[in-house]
N, C-alpha and C. Protein backbone atom coordinates (compact mmCIF):
# COMPACT_ATOMS: atom_id res chain seq x y z
N MET A 1 25.45 -20.89 12.35
CA MET A 1 24.62 -21.98 11.85
C MET A 1 23.82 -21.48 10.66
N GLU A 2 23.68 -22.32 9.63
CA GLU A 2 22.98 -21.98 8.47
C GLU A 2 21.45 -21.80 8.72
N GLU A 3 20.90 -22.75 9.61
CA GLU A 3 19.48 -22.58 9.89
C GLU A 3 19.08 -21.26 10.50
N ILE A 4 19.96 -20.85 11.42
CA ILE A 4 19.71 -19.52 12.07
C ILE A 4 19.68 -18.41 10.98
N GLU A 5 20.72 -18.40 10.13
CA GLU A 5 20.86 -17.38 9.08
C GLU A 5 19.57 -17.40 8.18
N PHE A 6 19.15 -18.61 7.84
CA PHE A 6 17.95 -18.77 7.05
C PHE A 6 16.73 -18.18 7.68
N ILE A 7 16.59 -18.45 9.01
CA ILE A 7 15.44 -17.91 9.75
C ILE A 7 15.49 -16.37 9.80
N ILE A 8 16.62 -15.82 9.98
CA ILE A 8 16.79 -14.34 10.05
C ILE A 8 16.47 -13.73 8.69
N ASP A 9 17.03 -14.35 7.62
CA ASP A 9 16.76 -13.93 6.24
C ASP A 9 15.25 -13.92 5.90
N GLU A 10 14.63 -15.01 6.34
CA GLU A 10 13.15 -15.22 6.14
C GLU A 10 12.39 -14.12 6.90
N ALA A 11 12.77 -13.85 8.13
CA ALA A 11 12.07 -12.78 8.95
C ALA A 11 12.28 -11.42 8.28
N THR A 12 13.45 -11.20 7.78
CA THR A 12 13.78 -9.82 7.14
C THR A 12 12.96 -9.71 5.90
N GLU A 13 12.83 -10.80 5.12
CA GLU A 13 12.06 -10.76 3.87
C GLU A 13 10.59 -10.51 4.15
N SER A 14 10.06 -11.15 5.21
CA SER A 14 8.72 -10.98 5.61
C SER A 14 8.41 -9.50 6.06
N MET A 15 9.35 -8.96 6.82
CA MET A 15 9.26 -7.66 7.34
C MET A 15 9.31 -6.67 6.18
N ASN A 16 10.24 -6.86 5.23
CA ASN A 16 10.28 -5.99 4.07
C ASN A 16 8.96 -6.10 3.31
N GLY A 17 8.32 -7.21 3.25
CA GLY A 17 7.04 -7.32 2.58
C GLY A 17 5.94 -6.53 3.26
N SER A 18 6.02 -6.45 4.60
CA SER A 18 5.07 -5.64 5.28
C SER A 18 5.20 -4.13 4.96
N ILE A 19 6.46 -3.68 4.89
CA ILE A 19 6.71 -2.34 4.54
C ILE A 19 6.27 -2.02 3.08
N ALA A 20 6.55 -2.96 2.18
CA ALA A 20 6.14 -2.76 0.75
C ALA A 20 4.61 -2.69 0.68
N HIS A 21 3.92 -3.57 1.43
CA HIS A 21 2.46 -3.49 1.43
C HIS A 21 1.93 -2.21 1.99
N LEU A 22 2.55 -1.71 3.01
CA LEU A 22 2.14 -0.46 3.64
C LEU A 22 2.30 0.68 2.64
N GLU A 23 3.41 0.74 1.91
CA GLU A 23 3.66 1.76 0.97
C GLU A 23 2.64 1.68 -0.22
N LYS A 24 2.27 0.51 -0.58
CA LYS A 24 1.22 0.28 -1.62
C LYS A 24 -0.13 0.83 -1.16
N GLU A 25 -0.43 0.45 0.10
CA GLU A 25 -1.72 0.94 0.66
C GLU A 25 -1.75 2.43 0.78
N PHE A 26 -0.59 3.03 1.13
CA PHE A 26 -0.51 4.53 1.23
C PHE A 26 -0.74 5.23 -0.04
N LEU A 27 -0.42 4.56 -1.13
CA LEU A 27 -0.61 5.15 -2.51
C LEU A 27 -2.13 5.39 -2.70
N ASN A 28 -2.95 4.51 -2.13
CA ASN A 28 -4.37 4.55 -2.34
C ASN A 28 -5.04 5.58 -1.42
N ILE A 29 -4.31 6.08 -0.45
CA ILE A 29 -4.84 7.15 0.42
C ILE A 29 -4.44 8.46 -0.18
N ARG A 30 -5.39 9.15 -0.78
CA ARG A 30 -5.11 10.35 -1.53
C ARG A 30 -4.87 11.52 -0.56
N ALA A 31 -4.01 12.36 -0.89
CA ALA A 31 -3.64 13.52 -0.10
C ALA A 31 -4.00 14.80 -0.74
N GLY A 32 -5.03 14.85 -1.59
CA GLY A 32 -5.50 16.02 -2.19
C GLY A 32 -4.88 16.33 -3.52
N LYS A 33 -3.78 15.65 -3.85
CA LYS A 33 -3.16 15.89 -5.15
C LYS A 33 -3.64 14.73 -6.08
N ALA A 34 -3.94 15.07 -7.30
CA ALA A 34 -4.34 14.04 -8.29
C ALA A 34 -3.16 13.08 -8.60
N SER A 35 -3.47 11.81 -8.73
CA SER A 35 -2.43 10.82 -8.99
C SER A 35 -3.07 9.70 -9.75
N PRO A 36 -2.44 9.07 -10.76
CA PRO A 36 -3.05 7.91 -11.39
C PRO A 36 -3.23 6.76 -10.44
N ALA A 37 -2.42 6.66 -9.34
CA ALA A 37 -2.57 5.64 -8.38
C ALA A 37 -3.97 5.59 -7.66
N MET A 38 -4.62 6.82 -7.70
CA MET A 38 -5.97 6.88 -7.08
C MET A 38 -6.91 6.00 -7.77
N LEU A 39 -6.63 5.67 -9.04
CA LEU A 39 -7.54 4.80 -9.87
C LEU A 39 -7.07 3.36 -9.95
N GLY A 40 -6.13 3.00 -9.08
CA GLY A 40 -5.50 1.67 -9.08
C GLY A 40 -6.51 0.56 -8.79
N SER A 41 -7.62 0.94 -8.08
CA SER A 41 -8.64 -0.11 -7.76
C SER A 41 -9.69 -0.26 -8.77
N VAL A 42 -9.58 0.50 -9.84
CA VAL A 42 -10.69 0.52 -10.92
C VAL A 42 -10.37 -0.61 -11.95
N PHE A 43 -11.37 -1.48 -12.07
CA PHE A 43 -11.29 -2.56 -13.13
C PHE A 43 -12.37 -2.35 -14.09
N VAL A 44 -12.05 -2.50 -15.41
CA VAL A 44 -12.99 -2.22 -16.47
C VAL A 44 -13.34 -3.59 -17.11
N ASP A 45 -14.61 -3.71 -17.50
CA ASP A 45 -15.07 -4.89 -18.19
C ASP A 45 -14.56 -4.77 -19.69
N TYR A 46 -13.52 -5.44 -20.01
CA TYR A 46 -12.90 -5.34 -21.35
C TYR A 46 -13.12 -6.63 -22.08
N TYR A 47 -14.14 -6.65 -22.94
CA TYR A 47 -14.50 -7.86 -23.68
C TYR A 47 -14.65 -9.02 -22.79
N GLY A 48 -15.41 -8.84 -21.73
CA GLY A 48 -15.75 -9.97 -20.85
C GLY A 48 -14.83 -10.27 -19.63
N SER A 49 -13.65 -9.59 -19.66
CA SER A 49 -12.77 -9.85 -18.48
C SER A 49 -12.43 -8.57 -17.77
N GLN A 50 -12.33 -8.68 -16.42
CA GLN A 50 -11.99 -7.51 -15.60
C GLN A 50 -10.54 -7.12 -15.76
N THR A 51 -10.27 -5.97 -16.31
CA THR A 51 -8.93 -5.51 -16.64
C THR A 51 -8.62 -4.20 -15.90
N PRO A 52 -7.42 -4.08 -15.38
CA PRO A 52 -7.07 -2.78 -14.69
C PRO A 52 -7.23 -1.66 -15.63
N LEU A 53 -7.69 -0.52 -15.18
CA LEU A 53 -7.94 0.69 -15.96
C LEU A 53 -6.65 1.05 -16.71
N SER A 54 -5.51 1.00 -16.08
CA SER A 54 -4.29 1.38 -16.72
C SER A 54 -3.88 0.50 -17.95
N GLN A 55 -4.57 -0.60 -18.09
CA GLN A 55 -4.30 -1.46 -19.23
C GLN A 55 -5.19 -1.14 -20.47
N VAL A 56 -6.27 -0.37 -20.23
CA VAL A 56 -7.14 -0.06 -21.37
C VAL A 56 -7.18 1.42 -21.69
N ALA A 57 -6.44 2.20 -20.91
CA ALA A 57 -6.43 3.64 -21.17
C ALA A 57 -5.14 4.26 -20.67
N ASN A 58 -4.84 5.47 -21.19
CA ASN A 58 -3.70 6.24 -20.82
C ASN A 58 -4.13 7.25 -19.74
N LEU A 59 -3.51 7.21 -18.54
CA LEU A 59 -3.84 8.07 -17.50
C LEU A 59 -2.85 9.26 -17.39
N ASN A 60 -3.37 10.41 -17.35
CA ASN A 60 -2.49 11.65 -17.24
C ASN A 60 -2.94 12.49 -16.07
N VAL A 61 -2.02 13.32 -15.57
CA VAL A 61 -2.35 14.26 -14.53
C VAL A 61 -1.88 15.67 -15.04
N PRO A 62 -2.72 16.36 -15.74
CA PRO A 62 -2.26 17.68 -16.32
C PRO A 62 -2.03 18.74 -15.23
N ASP A 63 -2.70 18.65 -14.12
CA ASP A 63 -2.50 19.55 -12.97
C ASP A 63 -2.78 18.88 -11.64
N ALA A 64 -2.62 19.55 -10.54
CA ALA A 64 -2.76 18.87 -9.24
C ALA A 64 -4.16 18.51 -8.89
N ARG A 65 -5.17 18.99 -9.64
CA ARG A 65 -6.51 18.66 -9.29
C ARG A 65 -7.29 17.89 -10.42
N THR A 66 -6.61 17.50 -11.51
CA THR A 66 -7.27 16.82 -12.60
C THR A 66 -6.56 15.55 -13.04
N ILE A 67 -7.40 14.50 -13.33
CA ILE A 67 -6.87 13.31 -14.00
C ILE A 67 -7.64 13.18 -15.30
N THR A 68 -6.90 12.93 -16.38
CA THR A 68 -7.52 12.67 -17.67
C THR A 68 -7.29 11.23 -18.00
N ILE A 69 -8.31 10.59 -18.61
CA ILE A 69 -8.23 9.18 -19.01
C ILE A 69 -8.56 9.09 -20.50
N GLN A 70 -7.52 8.71 -21.26
CA GLN A 70 -7.68 8.56 -22.73
C GLN A 70 -7.70 7.07 -23.08
N PRO A 71 -8.89 6.52 -23.40
CA PRO A 71 -8.99 5.09 -23.64
C PRO A 71 -8.22 4.81 -25.03
N TYR A 72 -7.69 3.59 -25.07
CA TYR A 72 -7.01 3.18 -26.26
C TYR A 72 -7.99 2.92 -27.39
N GLU A 73 -9.26 2.57 -27.02
CA GLU A 73 -10.31 2.36 -27.94
C GLU A 73 -11.45 3.27 -27.61
N LYS A 74 -11.96 4.05 -28.52
CA LYS A 74 -13.03 5.00 -28.23
C LYS A 74 -14.28 4.32 -27.64
N SER A 75 -14.56 3.08 -28.02
CA SER A 75 -15.70 2.33 -27.57
C SER A 75 -15.63 2.05 -26.09
N MET A 76 -14.41 2.25 -25.43
CA MET A 76 -14.27 1.97 -24.04
C MET A 76 -14.68 3.17 -23.15
N LEU A 77 -15.00 4.38 -23.64
CA LEU A 77 -15.40 5.47 -22.88
C LEU A 77 -16.43 5.19 -21.89
N HIS A 78 -17.54 4.59 -22.27
CA HIS A 78 -18.67 4.38 -21.34
C HIS A 78 -18.37 3.27 -20.34
N PRO A 79 -17.73 2.15 -20.77
CA PRO A 79 -17.37 1.17 -19.71
C PRO A 79 -16.37 1.66 -18.70
N ILE A 80 -15.45 2.57 -19.14
CA ILE A 80 -14.51 3.11 -18.15
C ILE A 80 -15.24 4.08 -17.16
N GLU A 81 -16.14 4.84 -17.75
CA GLU A 81 -16.96 5.77 -16.92
C GLU A 81 -17.73 4.99 -15.90
N LYS A 82 -18.36 3.94 -16.32
CA LYS A 82 -19.15 3.06 -15.46
C LYS A 82 -18.29 2.38 -14.42
N ALA A 83 -17.14 1.93 -14.78
CA ALA A 83 -16.22 1.29 -13.79
C ALA A 83 -15.79 2.26 -12.71
N ILE A 84 -15.48 3.49 -13.07
CA ILE A 84 -15.14 4.51 -12.04
C ILE A 84 -16.27 4.69 -11.04
N MET A 85 -17.51 4.77 -11.54
CA MET A 85 -18.68 4.98 -10.66
C MET A 85 -18.84 3.74 -9.75
N VAL A 86 -18.71 2.59 -10.34
CA VAL A 86 -18.90 1.26 -9.61
C VAL A 86 -17.81 1.13 -8.55
N ALA A 87 -16.57 1.60 -8.81
CA ALA A 87 -15.48 1.49 -7.81
C ALA A 87 -15.74 2.24 -6.57
N ASN A 88 -16.65 3.22 -6.63
CA ASN A 88 -17.06 3.95 -5.47
C ASN A 88 -15.94 4.60 -4.73
N ILE A 89 -15.10 5.33 -5.46
CA ILE A 89 -13.90 5.93 -4.89
C ILE A 89 -14.12 7.48 -4.76
N GLY A 90 -15.38 7.92 -4.90
CA GLY A 90 -15.71 9.32 -4.69
C GLY A 90 -15.45 10.32 -5.80
N PHE A 91 -15.26 9.79 -6.94
CA PHE A 91 -15.00 10.64 -8.16
C PHE A 91 -16.23 10.66 -9.04
N ASN A 92 -16.38 11.85 -9.68
CA ASN A 92 -17.51 12.00 -10.67
C ASN A 92 -16.89 12.18 -12.01
N PRO A 93 -16.74 11.13 -12.87
CA PRO A 93 -16.10 11.27 -14.18
C PRO A 93 -16.95 12.12 -15.11
N MET A 94 -16.39 12.91 -15.98
CA MET A 94 -17.02 13.71 -17.02
C MET A 94 -16.43 13.23 -18.35
N ASN A 95 -17.32 12.88 -19.19
CA ASN A 95 -16.99 12.31 -20.55
C ASN A 95 -17.24 13.40 -21.58
N ASN A 96 -16.18 13.79 -22.34
CA ASN A 96 -16.37 14.82 -23.32
C ASN A 96 -16.44 14.26 -24.74
N GLY A 97 -16.44 12.93 -24.86
CA GLY A 97 -16.52 12.27 -26.12
C GLY A 97 -15.12 11.68 -26.61
N ASP A 98 -14.10 12.33 -26.15
CA ASP A 98 -12.72 11.86 -26.47
C ASP A 98 -11.98 11.35 -25.22
N VAL A 99 -12.10 12.05 -24.14
CA VAL A 99 -11.39 11.64 -22.93
C VAL A 99 -12.42 11.75 -21.73
N ILE A 100 -12.00 11.05 -20.63
CA ILE A 100 -12.76 11.22 -19.43
C ILE A 100 -11.99 12.07 -18.48
N ILE A 101 -12.62 13.11 -17.92
CA ILE A 101 -11.91 14.02 -17.02
C ILE A 101 -12.43 13.85 -15.63
N ILE A 102 -11.53 13.75 -14.69
CA ILE A 102 -11.94 13.66 -13.29
C ILE A 102 -11.33 14.84 -12.55
N ASN A 103 -12.19 15.63 -11.89
CA ASN A 103 -11.70 16.72 -11.06
C ASN A 103 -11.61 16.19 -9.61
N VAL A 104 -10.46 16.23 -9.09
CA VAL A 104 -10.20 15.77 -7.69
C VAL A 104 -10.56 16.90 -6.77
N PRO A 105 -11.57 16.73 -5.95
CA PRO A 105 -12.06 17.79 -5.03
C PRO A 105 -11.01 17.98 -3.94
N ALA A 106 -10.89 19.29 -3.47
CA ALA A 106 -10.03 19.58 -2.35
C ALA A 106 -10.57 18.88 -1.09
N LEU A 107 -9.70 18.52 -0.29
CA LEU A 107 -10.13 17.74 0.92
C LEU A 107 -10.58 18.70 2.05
N THR A 108 -11.66 18.34 2.75
CA THR A 108 -12.04 19.11 3.94
C THR A 108 -11.24 18.67 5.09
N GLU A 109 -11.27 19.47 6.21
CA GLU A 109 -10.47 19.18 7.41
C GLU A 109 -10.87 17.84 7.93
N ASP A 110 -12.26 17.57 7.95
CA ASP A 110 -12.72 16.31 8.51
C ASP A 110 -12.23 15.14 7.65
N ARG A 111 -12.24 15.29 6.38
CA ARG A 111 -11.84 14.26 5.50
C ARG A 111 -10.28 13.94 5.70
N ARG A 112 -9.57 15.00 5.87
CA ARG A 112 -8.10 14.87 6.13
C ARG A 112 -7.89 14.09 7.39
N ARG A 113 -8.65 14.34 8.45
CA ARG A 113 -8.51 13.62 9.77
C ARG A 113 -8.85 12.11 9.47
N ASP A 114 -9.96 11.85 8.74
CA ASP A 114 -10.35 10.50 8.43
C ASP A 114 -9.24 9.73 7.73
N LEU A 115 -8.61 10.46 6.74
CA LEU A 115 -7.56 9.80 5.94
C LEU A 115 -6.34 9.55 6.86
N ALA A 116 -6.10 10.46 7.81
CA ALA A 116 -4.97 10.26 8.71
C ALA A 116 -5.21 9.06 9.59
N LYS A 117 -6.49 8.90 10.09
CA LYS A 117 -6.83 7.75 10.84
C LYS A 117 -6.69 6.45 10.03
N GLN A 118 -7.07 6.47 8.77
CA GLN A 118 -6.94 5.39 7.91
C GLN A 118 -5.52 4.98 7.73
N ALA A 119 -4.64 5.97 7.61
CA ALA A 119 -3.18 5.76 7.46
C ALA A 119 -2.62 5.14 8.71
N LYS A 120 -3.09 5.59 9.92
CA LYS A 120 -2.66 5.01 11.21
C LYS A 120 -3.04 3.56 11.24
N ALA A 121 -4.27 3.23 10.79
CA ALA A 121 -4.75 1.84 10.88
C ALA A 121 -3.92 0.99 9.94
N GLU A 122 -3.58 1.46 8.73
CA GLU A 122 -2.70 0.70 7.84
C GLU A 122 -1.34 0.49 8.43
N ALA A 123 -0.77 1.51 9.12
CA ALA A 123 0.50 1.39 9.72
C ALA A 123 0.43 0.38 10.84
N GLU A 124 -0.66 0.31 11.67
CA GLU A 124 -0.73 -0.62 12.71
C GLU A 124 -0.83 -2.04 12.18
N ASP A 125 -1.52 -2.18 11.01
CA ASP A 125 -1.57 -3.49 10.35
C ASP A 125 -0.23 -3.97 9.99
N ALA A 126 0.63 -3.07 9.41
CA ALA A 126 1.99 -3.38 9.07
C ALA A 126 2.82 -3.79 10.26
N LYS A 127 2.58 -3.06 11.36
CA LYS A 127 3.37 -3.49 12.65
C LYS A 127 2.95 -4.85 13.08
N VAL A 128 1.68 -5.16 12.93
CA VAL A 128 1.17 -6.50 13.30
C VAL A 128 1.96 -7.59 12.43
N GLY A 129 2.11 -7.25 11.14
CA GLY A 129 2.85 -8.15 10.24
C GLY A 129 4.25 -8.33 10.67
N ILE A 130 4.89 -7.24 11.10
CA ILE A 130 6.29 -7.30 11.56
C ILE A 130 6.36 -8.16 12.81
N ARG A 131 5.45 -7.94 13.74
CA ARG A 131 5.48 -8.69 15.03
C ARG A 131 5.21 -10.16 14.73
N ASN A 132 4.35 -10.47 13.77
CA ASN A 132 4.10 -11.88 13.40
C ASN A 132 5.33 -12.53 12.81
N ALA A 133 6.09 -11.80 12.01
CA ALA A 133 7.34 -12.32 11.47
C ALA A 133 8.34 -12.62 12.59
N ARG A 134 8.38 -11.71 13.62
CA ARG A 134 9.24 -11.91 14.80
C ARG A 134 8.83 -13.17 15.55
N LYS A 135 7.53 -13.32 15.74
CA LYS A 135 7.00 -14.50 16.46
C LYS A 135 7.38 -15.81 15.72
N ASP A 136 7.14 -15.81 14.44
CA ASP A 136 7.48 -16.99 13.65
C ASP A 136 8.90 -17.35 13.73
N ALA A 137 9.75 -16.32 13.64
CA ALA A 137 11.25 -16.52 13.68
C ALA A 137 11.65 -17.06 15.00
N ASN A 138 11.10 -16.45 16.10
CA ASN A 138 11.47 -16.91 17.46
C ASN A 138 10.98 -18.34 17.70
N THR A 139 9.82 -18.70 17.19
CA THR A 139 9.36 -20.08 17.31
C THR A 139 10.31 -21.05 16.60
N ASP A 140 10.74 -20.72 15.38
CA ASP A 140 11.73 -21.48 14.66
C ASP A 140 13.03 -21.67 15.44
N ILE A 141 13.49 -20.55 16.06
CA ILE A 141 14.71 -20.60 16.84
C ILE A 141 14.56 -21.51 18.05
N LYS A 142 13.46 -21.43 18.72
CA LYS A 142 13.20 -22.29 19.85
C LYS A 142 13.23 -23.76 19.41
N LYS A 143 12.64 -24.06 18.29
CA LYS A 143 12.65 -25.45 17.79
C LYS A 143 14.08 -25.94 17.61
N LEU A 144 14.91 -25.04 17.01
CA LEU A 144 16.36 -25.43 16.81
C LEU A 144 17.02 -25.66 18.12
N GLU A 145 16.69 -24.84 19.15
CA GLU A 145 17.32 -24.94 20.47
C GLU A 145 16.93 -26.34 21.12
N LYS A 146 15.66 -26.76 20.95
CA LYS A 146 15.22 -28.04 21.41
C LYS A 146 15.91 -29.17 20.69
N GLU A 147 16.22 -28.95 19.42
CA GLU A 147 16.93 -30.00 18.60
C GLU A 147 18.44 -30.06 18.92
N GLY A 148 18.89 -29.17 19.82
CA GLY A 148 20.29 -29.32 20.21
C GLY A 148 21.19 -28.14 19.75
N ALA A 149 20.63 -27.11 19.18
CA ALA A 149 21.48 -25.92 18.87
C ALA A 149 21.94 -25.23 20.09
N SER A 150 23.11 -24.57 20.07
CA SER A 150 23.68 -23.88 21.17
C SER A 150 22.75 -22.78 21.70
N GLU A 151 22.58 -22.77 23.04
CA GLU A 151 21.74 -21.81 23.72
C GLU A 151 22.27 -20.36 23.39
N ASP A 152 23.56 -20.15 23.44
CA ASP A 152 24.08 -18.81 23.19
C ASP A 152 23.77 -18.35 21.75
N ILE A 153 23.92 -19.23 20.78
CA ILE A 153 23.65 -18.90 19.44
C ILE A 153 22.14 -18.56 19.22
N CYS A 154 21.37 -19.33 19.84
CA CYS A 154 19.86 -19.05 19.78
C CYS A 154 19.53 -17.72 20.41
N LYS A 155 20.15 -17.42 21.55
CA LYS A 155 19.88 -16.14 22.27
C LYS A 155 20.32 -14.99 21.40
N THR A 156 21.46 -15.08 20.80
CA THR A 156 22.02 -14.07 19.89
C THR A 156 21.06 -13.87 18.73
N ALA A 157 20.57 -14.94 18.13
CA ALA A 157 19.63 -14.89 17.05
C ALA A 157 18.34 -14.20 17.42
N GLU A 158 17.85 -14.56 18.65
CA GLU A 158 16.64 -13.82 19.13
C GLU A 158 16.78 -12.34 19.31
N ASP A 159 18.01 -12.00 19.78
CA ASP A 159 18.33 -10.60 20.01
C ASP A 159 18.40 -9.91 18.61
N GLU A 160 18.96 -10.60 17.65
CA GLU A 160 19.08 -10.00 16.23
C GLU A 160 17.68 -9.84 15.65
N ILE A 161 16.79 -10.82 15.89
CA ILE A 161 15.38 -10.66 15.43
C ILE A 161 14.73 -9.52 16.06
N GLN A 162 14.93 -9.33 17.40
CA GLN A 162 14.32 -8.20 18.07
C GLN A 162 14.81 -6.88 17.56
N ASN A 163 16.14 -6.75 17.26
CA ASN A 163 16.74 -5.51 16.71
C ASN A 163 16.12 -5.23 15.32
N LEU A 164 16.00 -6.27 14.54
CA LEU A 164 15.30 -6.15 13.23
C LEU A 164 13.88 -5.60 13.41
N THR A 165 13.15 -6.23 14.34
CA THR A 165 11.84 -5.85 14.61
C THR A 165 11.76 -4.32 14.96
N ASN A 166 12.61 -3.95 15.88
CA ASN A 166 12.65 -2.50 16.33
C ASN A 166 12.95 -1.58 15.15
N ALA A 167 13.87 -1.98 14.29
CA ALA A 167 14.24 -1.13 13.12
C ALA A 167 13.07 -1.00 12.19
N PHE A 168 12.41 -2.09 11.89
CA PHE A 168 11.26 -2.06 10.98
C PHE A 168 10.05 -1.29 11.52
N ILE A 169 9.81 -1.36 12.85
CA ILE A 169 8.70 -0.65 13.46
C ILE A 169 9.03 0.85 13.42
N LYS A 170 10.37 1.22 13.61
CA LYS A 170 10.71 2.61 13.55
C LYS A 170 10.52 3.09 12.16
N LYS A 171 10.82 2.31 11.14
CA LYS A 171 10.71 2.70 9.74
C LYS A 171 9.24 2.90 9.46
N ILE A 172 8.32 2.09 9.95
CA ILE A 172 6.89 2.27 9.75
C ILE A 172 6.41 3.57 10.36
N ASP A 173 6.95 3.87 11.53
CA ASP A 173 6.55 5.13 12.19
C ASP A 173 6.94 6.36 11.38
N GLU A 174 8.18 6.28 10.75
CA GLU A 174 8.67 7.35 9.95
C GLU A 174 7.85 7.51 8.68
N ILE A 175 7.47 6.37 8.05
CA ILE A 175 6.63 6.44 6.84
C ILE A 175 5.26 7.07 7.21
N LEU A 176 4.69 6.62 8.37
CA LEU A 176 3.42 7.17 8.76
C LEU A 176 3.49 8.65 9.04
N ILE A 177 4.55 9.12 9.74
CA ILE A 177 4.64 10.58 9.97
C ILE A 177 4.67 11.36 8.72
N ALA A 178 5.43 10.85 7.72
CA ALA A 178 5.53 11.58 6.41
C ALA A 178 4.12 11.58 5.72
N LYS A 179 3.43 10.47 5.76
CA LYS A 179 2.14 10.38 5.13
C LYS A 179 1.13 11.26 5.87
N GLU A 180 1.15 11.32 7.15
CA GLU A 180 0.25 12.25 7.88
C GLU A 180 0.52 13.64 7.58
N ALA A 181 1.80 14.04 7.45
CA ALA A 181 2.13 15.39 7.08
C ALA A 181 1.63 15.72 5.70
N GLU A 182 1.78 14.77 4.75
CA GLU A 182 1.27 14.96 3.31
C GLU A 182 -0.24 15.19 3.34
N ILE A 183 -0.97 14.35 4.16
CA ILE A 183 -2.43 14.41 4.19
C ILE A 183 -2.85 15.69 4.83
N MET A 184 -2.23 16.18 5.87
CA MET A 184 -2.73 17.38 6.59
C MET A 184 -2.31 18.61 5.97
N LYS A 185 -1.33 18.61 4.99
CA LYS A 185 -0.86 19.80 4.32
C LYS A 185 -1.94 20.32 3.37
N VAL A 186 -2.33 21.57 3.52
CA VAL A 186 -3.42 22.17 2.73
C VAL A 186 -2.86 22.75 1.46
């Protein structure tokens, strides 16, 4: 049945969205190595509009502990510096007149544990998204069954949705294990 295929495709798309969101959130959880993604939440006041930092400056990572920010316009040095402070991401920018340099501090053991807990919470949120997609799909399948769809076809579709759910939950667990290992590695 076309409706069943549509429901399954919709659930798969929603579950893929949960995984993509989790991976995006994991980019913001720093693991001690400098990365331009760490500044993804920084928005700069650029002529009256809030603009992502990456659109007003060139971000580089010369080594594992340093991020350099080269503004496209020299007049943007101070607004960028201010935006990094306002973003409250734990960095202390240094302005040398040409570029802004951020030294990424090494993570303490406590901070690593906190980041691992944060990663677990994000993974749990992603699992909730997966389960919600399953619930929505099963609700839609039940509606079709009430409208006269074959009981066998609906049962098969529910089983397929459950298998999808199990596969996506397993994938989230694998992503979490990799992220925790990255965080805890000194």
